PDB file of all heavy atoms in Angstrom:
ATOM      1  N   ASN A   1      36.669  23.241  -7.623  1.00  0.00           N
ATOM      2  CA  ASN A   1      36.222  21.847  -7.669  1.00  0.00           C
ATOM      3  C   ASN A   1      35.929  21.393  -9.097  1.00  0.00           C
ATOM      4  O   ASN A   1      35.950  20.197  -9.388  1.00  0.00           O
ATOM      5  CB  ASN A   1      34.975  21.658  -6.805  1.00  0.00           C
ATOM      6  CG  ASN A   1      35.314  21.486  -5.336  1.00  0.00           C
ATOM      7  OD1 ASN A   1      36.321  20.881  -5.001  1.00  0.00           O
ATOM      8  ND2 ASN A   1      34.486  22.016  -4.468  1.00  0.00           N
ATOM      9  N   ALA A   2      35.644  22.352  -9.966  1.00  0.00           N
ATOM     10  CA  ALA A   2      35.419  22.008 -11.375  1.00  0.00           C
ATOM     11  C   ALA A   2      36.666  21.348 -11.959  1.00  0.00           C
ATOM     12  O   ALA A   2      36.578  20.378 -12.721  1.00  0.00           O
ATOM     13  CB  ALA A   2      35.066  23.258 -12.175  1.00  0.00           C
ATOM     14  N   TYR A   3      37.834  21.857 -11.578  1.00  0.00           N
ATOM     15  CA  TYR A   3      39.083  21.268 -12.063  1.00  0.00           C
ATOM     16  C   TYR A   3      39.366  19.935 -11.371  1.00  0.00           C
ATOM     17  O   TYR A   3      39.916  19.015 -11.992  1.00  0.00           O
ATOM     18  CB  TYR A   3      40.245  22.239 -11.839  1.00  0.00           C
ATOM     19  CG  TYR A   3      40.250  23.362 -12.845  1.00  0.00           C
ATOM     20  CD1 TYR A   3      39.799  24.625 -12.504  1.00  0.00           C
ATOM     21  CD2 TYR A   3      40.683  23.143 -14.151  1.00  0.00           C
ATOM     22  CE1 TYR A   3      39.784  25.655 -13.437  1.00  0.00           C
ATOM     23  CE2 TYR A   3      40.674  24.160 -15.081  1.00  0.00           C
ATOM     24  CZ  TYR A   3      40.224  25.421 -14.725  1.00  0.00           C
ATOM     25  OH  TYR A   3      40.206  26.426 -15.653  1.00  0.00           O
ATOM     26  N   VAL A   4      38.987  19.827 -10.104  1.00  0.00           N
ATOM     27  CA  VAL A   4      39.130  18.552  -9.395  1.00  0.00           C
ATOM     28  C   VAL A   4      38.326  17.470 -10.118  1.00  0.00           C
ATOM     29  O   VAL A   4      38.808  16.358 -10.338  1.00  0.00           O
ATOM     30  CB  VAL A   4      38.661  18.680  -7.923  1.00  0.00           C
ATOM     31  CG1 VAL A   4      38.662  17.319  -7.247  1.00  0.00           C
ATOM     32  CG2 VAL A   4      39.542  19.651  -7.158  1.00  0.00           C
ATOM     33  N   LEU A   5      37.107  17.825 -10.502  1.00  0.00           N
ATOM     34  CA  LEU A   5      36.250  16.885 -11.233  1.00  0.00           C
ATOM     35  C   LEU A   5      36.866  16.487 -12.568  1.00  0.00           C
ATOM     36  O   LEU A   5      36.910  15.314 -12.932  1.00  0.00           O
ATOM     37  CB  LEU A   5      34.882  17.522 -11.476  1.00  0.00           C
ATOM     38  CG  LEU A   5      33.864  17.459 -10.348  1.00  0.00           C
ATOM     39  CD1 LEU A   5      32.664  18.330 -10.690  1.00  0.00           C
ATOM     40  CD2 LEU A   5      33.419  16.038 -10.099  1.00  0.00           C
ATOM     41  N   ALA A   6      37.345  17.484 -13.291  1.00  0.00           N
ATOM     42  CA  ALA A   6      37.891  17.234 -14.626  1.00  0.00           C
ATOM     43  C   ALA A   6      39.100  16.314 -14.566  1.00  0.00           C
ATOM     44  O   ALA A   6      39.207  15.344 -15.322  1.00  0.00           O
ATOM     45  CB  ALA A   6      38.253  18.554 -15.295  1.00  0.00           C
ATOM     46  N   PHE A   7      40.007  16.592 -13.654  1.00  0.00           N
ATOM     47  CA  PHE A   7      41.214  15.769 -13.558  1.00  0.00           C
ATOM     48  C   PHE A   7      40.920  14.401 -12.938  1.00  0.00           C
ATOM     49  O   PHE A   7      41.644  13.436 -13.204  1.00  0.00           O
ATOM     50  CB  PHE A   7      42.301  16.507 -12.775  1.00  0.00           C
ATOM     51  CG  PHE A   7      42.938  17.621 -13.558  1.00  0.00           C
ATOM     52  CD1 PHE A   7      42.730  18.935 -13.211  1.00  0.00           C
ATOM     53  CD2 PHE A   7      43.739  17.340 -14.656  1.00  0.00           C
ATOM     54  CE1 PHE A   7      43.305  19.971 -13.943  1.00  0.00           C
ATOM     55  CE2 PHE A   7      44.320  18.359 -15.402  1.00  0.00           C
ATOM     56  CZ  PHE A   7      44.109  19.677 -15.043  1.00  0.00           C
ATOM     57  N   SER A   8      39.867  14.324 -12.135  1.00  0.00           N
ATOM     58  CA  SER A   8      39.472  13.024 -11.569  1.00  0.00           C
ATOM     59  C   SER A   8      38.942  12.085 -12.642  1.00  0.00           C
ATOM     60  O   SER A   8      38.953  10.862 -12.469  1.00  0.00           O
ATOM     61  CB  SER A   8      38.393  13.213 -10.493  1.00  0.00           C
ATOM     62  OG  SER A   8      38.876  13.965  -9.413  1.00  0.00           O
ATOM     63  N   SER A   9      38.496  12.662 -13.747  1.00  0.00           N
ATOM     64  CA  SER A   9      37.898  11.842 -14.797  1.00  0.00           C
ATOM     65  C   SER A   9      38.886  10.829 -15.360  1.00  0.00           C
ATOM     66  O   SER A   9      38.490   9.732 -15.771  1.00  0.00           O
ATOM     67  CB  SER A   9      37.371  12.736 -15.931  1.00  0.00           C
ATOM     68  OG  SER A   9      38.435  13.432 -16.558  1.00  0.00           O
ATOM     69  N   ILE A  10      40.176  11.163 -15.352  1.00  0.00           N
ATOM     70  CA  ILE A  10      41.168  10.216 -15.884  1.00  0.00           C
ATOM     71  C   ILE A  10      41.265   8.986 -14.988  1.00  0.00           C
ATOM     72  O   ILE A  10      41.404   7.863 -15.461  1.00  0.00           O
ATOM     73  CB  ILE A  10      42.554  10.894 -16.055  1.00  0.00           C
ATOM     74  CG1 ILE A  10      43.529   9.911 -16.708  1.00  0.00           C
ATOM     75  CG2 ILE A  10      43.103  11.415 -14.753  1.00  0.00           C
ATOM     76  CD1 ILE A  10      44.862  10.532 -17.065  1.00  0.00           C
ATOM     77  N   ALA A  11      41.158   9.199 -13.659  1.00  0.00           N
ATOM     78  CA  ALA A  11      41.167   8.064 -12.731  1.00  0.00           C
ATOM     79  C   ALA A  11      39.903   7.233 -12.897  1.00  0.00           C
ATOM     80  O   ALA A  11      39.955   5.992 -12.892  1.00  0.00           O
ATOM     81  CB  ALA A  11      41.291   8.561 -11.298  1.00  0.00           C
ATOM     82  N   LEU A  12      38.755   7.894 -13.050  1.00  0.00           N
ATOM     83  CA  LEU A  12      37.492   7.183 -13.244  1.00  0.00           C
ATOM     84  C   LEU A  12      37.520   6.374 -14.537  1.00  0.00           C
ATOM     85  O   LEU A  12      37.017   5.246 -14.599  1.00  0.00           O
ATOM     86  CB  LEU A  12      36.331   8.176 -13.260  1.00  0.00           C
ATOM     87  CG  LEU A  12      36.057   8.898 -11.935  1.00  0.00           C
ATOM     88  CD1 LEU A  12      35.060  10.041 -12.143  1.00  0.00           C
ATOM     89  CD2 LEU A  12      35.539   7.926 -10.885  1.00  0.00           C
ATOM     90  N   PHE A  13      38.118   6.954 -15.580  1.00  0.00           N
ATOM     91  CA  PHE A  13      38.229   6.263 -16.864  1.00  0.00           C
ATOM     92  C   PHE A  13      39.029   4.974 -16.705  1.00  0.00           C
ATOM     93  O   PHE A  13      38.604   3.899 -17.139  1.00  0.00           O
ATOM     94  CB  PHE A  13      38.895   7.180 -17.892  1.00  0.00           C
ATOM     95  CG  PHE A  13      39.219   6.498 -19.195  1.00  0.00           C
ATOM     96  CD1 PHE A  13      38.247   6.345 -20.169  1.00  0.00           C
ATOM     97  CD2 PHE A  13      40.487   5.998 -19.434  1.00  0.00           C
ATOM     98  CE1 PHE A  13      38.540   5.706 -21.371  1.00  0.00           C
ATOM     99  CE2 PHE A  13      40.791   5.360 -20.627  1.00  0.00           C
ATOM    100  CZ  PHE A  13      39.810   5.220 -21.602  1.00  0.00           C
ATOM    101  N   PHE A  14      40.193   5.075 -16.074  1.00  0.00           N
ATOM    102  CA  PHE A  14      41.045   3.888 -15.939  1.00  0.00           C
ATOM    103  C   PHE A  14      40.472   2.876 -14.956  1.00  0.00           C
ATOM    104  O   PHE A  14      40.705   1.674 -15.092  1.00  0.00           O
ATOM    105  CB  PHE A  14      42.464   4.292 -15.548  1.00  0.00           C
ATOM    106  CG  PHE A  14      43.340   4.512 -16.740  1.00  0.00           C
ATOM    107  CD1 PHE A  14      43.681   5.788 -17.137  1.00  0.00           C
ATOM    108  CD2 PHE A  14      43.801   3.439 -17.492  1.00  0.00           C
ATOM    109  CE1 PHE A  14      44.462   5.991 -18.249  1.00  0.00           C
ATOM    110  CE2 PHE A  14      44.596   3.628 -18.605  1.00  0.00           C
ATOM    111  CZ  PHE A  14      44.922   4.909 -18.992  1.00  0.00           C
ATOM    112  N   PHE A  15      39.719   3.352 -13.977  1.00  0.00           N
ATOM    113  CA  PHE A  15      39.050   2.418 -13.087  1.00  0.00           C
ATOM    114  C   PHE A  15      38.030   1.604 -13.871  1.00  0.00           C
ATOM    115  O   PHE A  15      37.872   0.395 -13.654  1.00  0.00           O
ATOM    116  CB  PHE A  15      38.361   3.159 -11.942  1.00  0.00           C
ATOM    117  CG  PHE A  15      38.971   2.870 -10.607  1.00  0.00           C
ATOM    118  CD1 PHE A  15      39.518   3.884  -9.854  1.00  0.00           C
ATOM    119  CD2 PHE A  15      39.002   1.573 -10.113  1.00  0.00           C
ATOM    120  CE1 PHE A  15      40.086   3.620  -8.618  1.00  0.00           C
ATOM    121  CE2 PHE A  15      39.564   1.305  -8.874  1.00  0.00           C
ATOM    122  CZ  PHE A  15      40.106   2.330  -8.127  1.00  0.00           C
ATOM    123  N   ALA A  16      37.323   2.266 -14.781  1.00  0.00           N
ATOM    124  CA  ALA A  16      36.348   1.564 -15.612  1.00  0.00           C
ATOM    125  C   ALA A  16      37.048   0.528 -16.495  1.00  0.00           C
ATOM    126  O   ALA A  16      36.577  -0.608 -16.648  1.00  0.00           O
ATOM    127  CB  ALA A  16      35.569   2.560 -16.469  1.00  0.00           C
ATOM    128  N   VAL A  17      38.201   0.916 -17.070  1.00  0.00           N
ATOM    129  CA  VAL A  17      38.983  -0.012 -17.897  1.00  0.00           C
ATOM    130  C   VAL A  17      39.451  -1.198 -17.056  1.00  0.00           C
ATOM    131  O   VAL A  17      39.369  -2.355 -17.476  1.00  0.00           O
ATOM    132  CB  VAL A  17      40.196   0.709 -18.532  1.00  0.00           C
ATOM    133  CG1 VAL A  17      41.107  -0.289 -19.245  1.00  0.00           C
ATOM    134  CG2 VAL A  17      39.736   1.785 -19.512  1.00  0.00           C
ATOM    135  N   ALA A  18      39.960  -0.897 -15.842  1.00  0.00           N
ATOM    136  CA  ALA A  18      40.434  -1.953 -14.950  1.00  0.00           C
ATOM    137  C   ALA A  18      39.314  -2.914 -14.587  1.00  0.00           C
ATOM    138  O   ALA A  18      39.522  -4.136 -14.512  1.00  0.00           O
ATOM    139  CB  ALA A  18      41.032  -1.330 -13.686  1.00  0.00           C
ATOM    140  N   LEU A  19      38.116  -2.373 -14.378  1.00  0.00           N
ATOM    141  CA  LEU A  19      36.967  -3.209 -14.038  1.00  0.00           C
ATOM    142  C   LEU A  19      36.616  -4.134 -15.195  1.00  0.00           C
ATOM    143  O   LEU A  19      36.375  -5.334 -15.000  1.00  0.00           O
ATOM    144  CB  LEU A  19      35.766  -2.333 -13.677  1.00  0.00           C
ATOM    145  CG  LEU A  19      34.478  -3.053 -13.274  1.00  0.00           C
ATOM    146  CD1 LEU A  19      34.719  -3.961 -12.069  1.00  0.00           C
ATOM    147  CD2 LEU A  19      33.369  -2.048 -12.973  1.00  0.00           C
ATOM    148  N   VAL A  20      36.616  -3.604 -16.416  1.00  0.00           N
ATOM    149  CA  VAL A  20      36.311  -4.414 -17.606  1.00  0.00           C
ATOM    150  C   VAL A  20      37.351  -5.518 -17.774  1.00  0.00           C
ATOM    151  O   VAL A  20      37.017  -6.677 -18.037  1.00  0.00           O
ATOM    152  CB  VAL A  20      36.252  -3.521 -18.861  1.00  0.00           C
ATOM    153  CG1 VAL A  20      36.183  -4.380 -20.117  1.00  0.00           C
ATOM    154  CG2 VAL A  20      35.051  -2.584 -18.805  1.00  0.00           C
ATOM    155  N   VAL A  21      38.632  -5.163 -17.626  1.00  0.00           N
ATOM    156  CA  VAL A  21      39.719  -6.143 -17.769  1.00  0.00           C
ATOM    157  C   VAL A  21      39.582  -7.251 -16.726  1.00  0.00           C
ATOM    158  O   VAL A  21      39.739  -8.435 -17.045  1.00  0.00           O
ATOM    159  CB  VAL A  21      41.095  -5.451 -17.643  1.00  0.00           C
ATOM    160  CG1 VAL A  21      42.218  -6.494 -17.535  1.00  0.00           C
ATOM    161  CG2 VAL A  21      41.340  -4.542 -18.837  1.00  0.00           C
ATOM    162  N   SER A  22      39.286  -6.875 -15.472  1.00  0.00           N
ATOM    163  CA  SER A  22      39.159  -7.877 -14.406  1.00  0.00           C
ATOM    164  C   SER A  22      37.981  -8.815 -14.665  1.00  0.00           C
ATOM    165  O   SER A  22      38.068 -10.022 -14.400  1.00  0.00           O
ATOM    166  CB  SER A  22      39.012  -7.190 -13.044  1.00  0.00           C
ATOM    167  OG  SER A  22      37.799  -6.456 -12.974  1.00  0.00           O
ATOM    168  N   ILE A  23      36.886  -8.279 -15.200  1.00  0.00           N
ATOM    169  CA  ILE A  23      35.719  -9.115 -15.524  1.00  0.00           C
ATOM    170  C   ILE A  23      36.064 -10.090 -16.654  1.00  0.00           C
ATOM    171  O   ILE A  23      35.734 -11.276 -16.597  1.00  0.00           O
ATOM    172  CB  ILE A  23      34.515  -8.236 -15.917  1.00  0.00           C
ATOM    173  CG1 ILE A  23      34.006  -7.456 -14.699  1.00  0.00           C
ATOM    174  CG2 ILE A  23      33.389  -9.087 -16.490  1.00  0.00           C
ATOM    175  CD1 ILE A  23      32.956  -6.413 -15.030  1.00  0.00           C
ATOM    176  N   VAL A  24      36.761  -9.580 -17.686  1.00  0.00           N
ATOM    177  CA  VAL A  24      37.164 -10.428 -18.813  1.00  0.00           C
ATOM    178  C   VAL A  24      38.085 -11.547 -18.343  1.00  0.00           C
ATOM    179  O   VAL A  24      37.911 -12.729 -18.710  1.00  0.00           O
ATOM    180  CB  VAL A  24      37.850  -9.581 -19.905  1.00  0.00           C
ATOM    181  CG1 VAL A  24      38.488 -10.488 -20.959  1.00  0.00           C
ATOM    182  CG2 VAL A  24      36.862  -8.641 -20.564  1.00  0.00           C
ATOM    183  N   LEU A  25      39.070 -11.210 -17.517  1.00  0.00           N
ATOM    184  CA  LEU A  25      39.992 -12.222 -16.996  1.00  0.00           C
ATOM    185  C   LEU A  25      39.263 -13.255 -16.143  1.00  0.00           C
ATOM    186  O   LEU A  25      39.574 -14.452 -16.192  1.00  0.00           O
ATOM    187  CB  LEU A  25      41.087 -11.544 -16.169  1.00  0.00           C
ATOM    188  CG  LEU A  25      42.112 -10.712 -16.944  1.00  0.00           C
ATOM    189  CD1 LEU A  25      43.041  -9.984 -15.982  1.00  0.00           C
ATOM    190  CD2 LEU A  25      42.920 -11.601 -17.895  1.00  0.00           C
ATOM    191  N   PHE A  26      38.287 -12.792 -15.380  1.00  0.00           N
ATOM    192  CA  PHE A  26      37.504 -13.694 -14.538  1.00  0.00           C
ATOM    193  C   PHE A  26      36.774 -14.731 -15.392  1.00  0.00           C
ATOM    194  O   PHE A  26      36.817 -15.935 -15.095  1.00  0.00           O
ATOM    195  CB  PHE A  26      36.500 -12.890 -13.705  1.00  0.00           C
ATOM    196  CG  PHE A  26      35.465 -13.732 -13.007  1.00  0.00           C
ATOM    197  CD1 PHE A  26      35.791 -14.475 -11.878  1.00  0.00           C
ATOM    198  CD2 PHE A  26      34.158 -13.790 -13.490  1.00  0.00           C
ATOM    199  CE1 PHE A  26      34.829 -15.248 -11.232  1.00  0.00           C
ATOM    200  CE2 PHE A  26      33.205 -14.566 -12.859  1.00  0.00           C
ATOM    201  CZ  PHE A  26      33.546 -15.299 -11.723  1.00  0.00           C
ATOM    202  N   TYR A  27      36.132 -14.275 -16.462  1.00  0.00           N
ATOM    203  CA  TYR A  27      35.367 -15.206 -17.292  1.00  0.00           C
ATOM    204  C   TYR A  27      36.273 -16.099 -18.134  1.00  0.00           C
ATOM    205  O   TYR A  27      35.934 -17.260 -18.410  1.00  0.00           O
ATOM    206  CB  TYR A  27      34.388 -14.429 -18.173  1.00  0.00           C
ATOM    207  CG  TYR A  27      33.151 -14.007 -17.413  1.00  0.00           C
ATOM    208  CD1 TYR A  27      32.939 -12.678 -17.060  1.00  0.00           C
ATOM    209  CD2 TYR A  27      32.203 -14.946 -17.019  1.00  0.00           C
ATOM    210  CE1 TYR A  27      31.811 -12.291 -16.340  1.00  0.00           C
ATOM    211  CE2 TYR A  27      31.075 -14.583 -16.307  1.00  0.00           C
ATOM    212  CZ  TYR A  27      30.884 -13.244 -15.963  1.00  0.00           C
ATOM    213  OH  TYR A  27      29.759 -12.880 -15.247  1.00  0.00           O
ATOM    214  N   ILE A  28      37.440 -15.595 -18.542  1.00  0.00           N
ATOM    215  CA  ILE A  28      38.407 -16.450 -19.260  1.00  0.00           C
ATOM    216  C   ILE A  28      38.889 -17.563 -18.346  1.00  0.00           C
ATOM    217  O   ILE A  28      38.943 -18.735 -18.738  1.00  0.00           O
ATOM    218  CB  ILE A  28      39.608 -15.607 -19.762  1.00  0.00           C
ATOM    219  CG1 ILE A  28      39.158 -14.670 -20.898  1.00  0.00           C
ATOM    220  CG2 ILE A  28      40.736 -16.504 -20.234  1.00  0.00           C
ATOM    221  CD1 ILE A  28      40.226 -13.711 -21.359  1.00  0.00           C
ATOM    222  N   LYS A  29      39.244 -17.175 -17.118  1.00  0.00           N
ATOM    223  CA  LYS A  29      39.712 -18.168 -16.139  1.00  0.00           C
ATOM    224  C   LYS A  29      38.612 -19.184 -15.827  1.00  0.00           C
ATOM    225  O   LYS A  29      38.873 -20.389 -15.675  1.00  0.00           O
ATOM    226  CB  LYS A  29      40.130 -17.431 -14.857  1.00  0.00           C
ATOM    227  CG  LYS A  29      40.803 -18.326 -13.834  1.00  0.00           C
ATOM    228  CD  LYS A  29      42.226 -18.664 -14.229  1.00  0.00           C
ATOM    229  CE  LYS A  29      42.923 -19.433 -13.108  1.00  0.00           C
ATOM    230  NZ  LYS A  29      44.299 -19.788 -13.461  1.00  0.00           N
ATOM    231  N   LYS A  30      37.374 -18.718 -15.777  1.00  0.00           N
ATOM    232  CA  LYS A  30      36.243 -19.589 -15.490  1.00  0.00           C
ATOM    233  C   LYS A  30      36.042 -20.621 -16.611  1.00  0.00           C
ATOM    234  O   LYS A  30      35.738 -21.798 -16.352  1.00  0.00           O
ATOM    235  CB  LYS A  30      34.983 -18.728 -15.319  1.00  0.00           C
ATOM    236  CG  LYS A  30      33.782 -19.489 -14.774  1.00  0.00           C
ATOM    237  CD  LYS A  30      32.616 -18.545 -14.547  1.00  0.00           C
ATOM    238  CE  LYS A  30      31.392 -19.278 -14.011  1.00  0.00           C
ATOM    239  NZ  LYS A  30      30.242 -18.368 -13.820  1.00  0.00           N
ATOM    240  N   GLN A  31      36.230 -20.168 -17.864  1.00  0.00           N
ATOM    241  CA  GLN A  31      36.075 -21.084 -19.006  1.00  0.00           C
ATOM    242  C   GLN A  31      37.180 -22.129 -19.032  1.00  0.00           C
ATOM    243  O   GLN A  31      36.965 -23.279 -19.393  1.00  0.00           O
ATOM    244  CB  GLN A  31      36.074 -20.266 -20.312  1.00  0.00           C
ATOM    245  CG  GLN A  31      34.847 -19.397 -20.508  1.00  0.00           C
ATOM    246  CD  GLN A  31      33.552 -20.211 -20.568  1.00  0.00           C
ATOM    247  OE1 GLN A  31      33.496 -21.271 -21.172  1.00  0.00           O
ATOM    248  NE2 GLN A  31      32.509 -19.666 -19.936  1.00  0.00           N
ATOM    249  N   ILE A  32      38.400 -21.713 -18.669  1.00  0.00           N
ATOM    250  CA  ILE A  32      39.532 -22.637 -18.664  1.00  0.00           C
ATOM    251  C   ILE A  32      39.316 -23.760 -17.650  1.00  0.00           C
ATOM    252  O   ILE A  32      39.639 -24.919 -17.887  1.00  0.00           O
ATOM    253  CB  ILE A  32      40.844 -21.886 -18.371  1.00  0.00           C
ATOM    254  CG1 ILE A  32      41.169 -20.942 -19.527  1.00  0.00           C
ATOM    255  CG2 ILE A  32      42.001 -22.852 -18.126  1.00  0.00           C
ATOM    256  CD1 ILE A  32      42.358 -20.050 -19.276  1.00  0.00           C
ATOM    257  N   ARG A  33      38.736 -23.367 -16.500  1.00  0.00           N
ATOM    258  CA  ARG A  33      38.448 -24.358 -15.465  1.00  0.00           C
ATOM    259  C   ARG A  33      37.430 -25.392 -15.979  1.00  0.00           C
ATOM    260  O   ARG A  33      37.433 -26.532 -15.610  1.00  0.00           O
ATOM    261  CB  ARG A  33      37.906 -23.678 -14.222  1.00  0.00           C
ATOM    262  CG  ARG A  33      38.964 -22.873 -13.469  1.00  0.00           C
ATOM    263  CD  ARG A  33      38.309 -22.109 -12.337  1.00  0.00           C
ATOM    264  NE  ARG A  33      39.258 -21.230 -11.665  1.00  0.00           N
ATOM    265  CZ  ARG A  33      38.911 -20.317 -10.749  1.00  0.00           C
ATOM    266  NH1 ARG A  33      37.641 -20.176 -10.426  1.00  0.00           N
ATOM    267  NH2 ARG A  33      39.812 -19.561 -10.179  1.00  0.00           N
TER     268      ARG A  33
END
């Protein structure tokens, strides 16, 4: 499971990036409106 955790970290990393991008896009779209 130690390796499962380690390799899962790449998915968690990109999920965090995706969340930040979606928040940024949300606020950009909100300002345009």
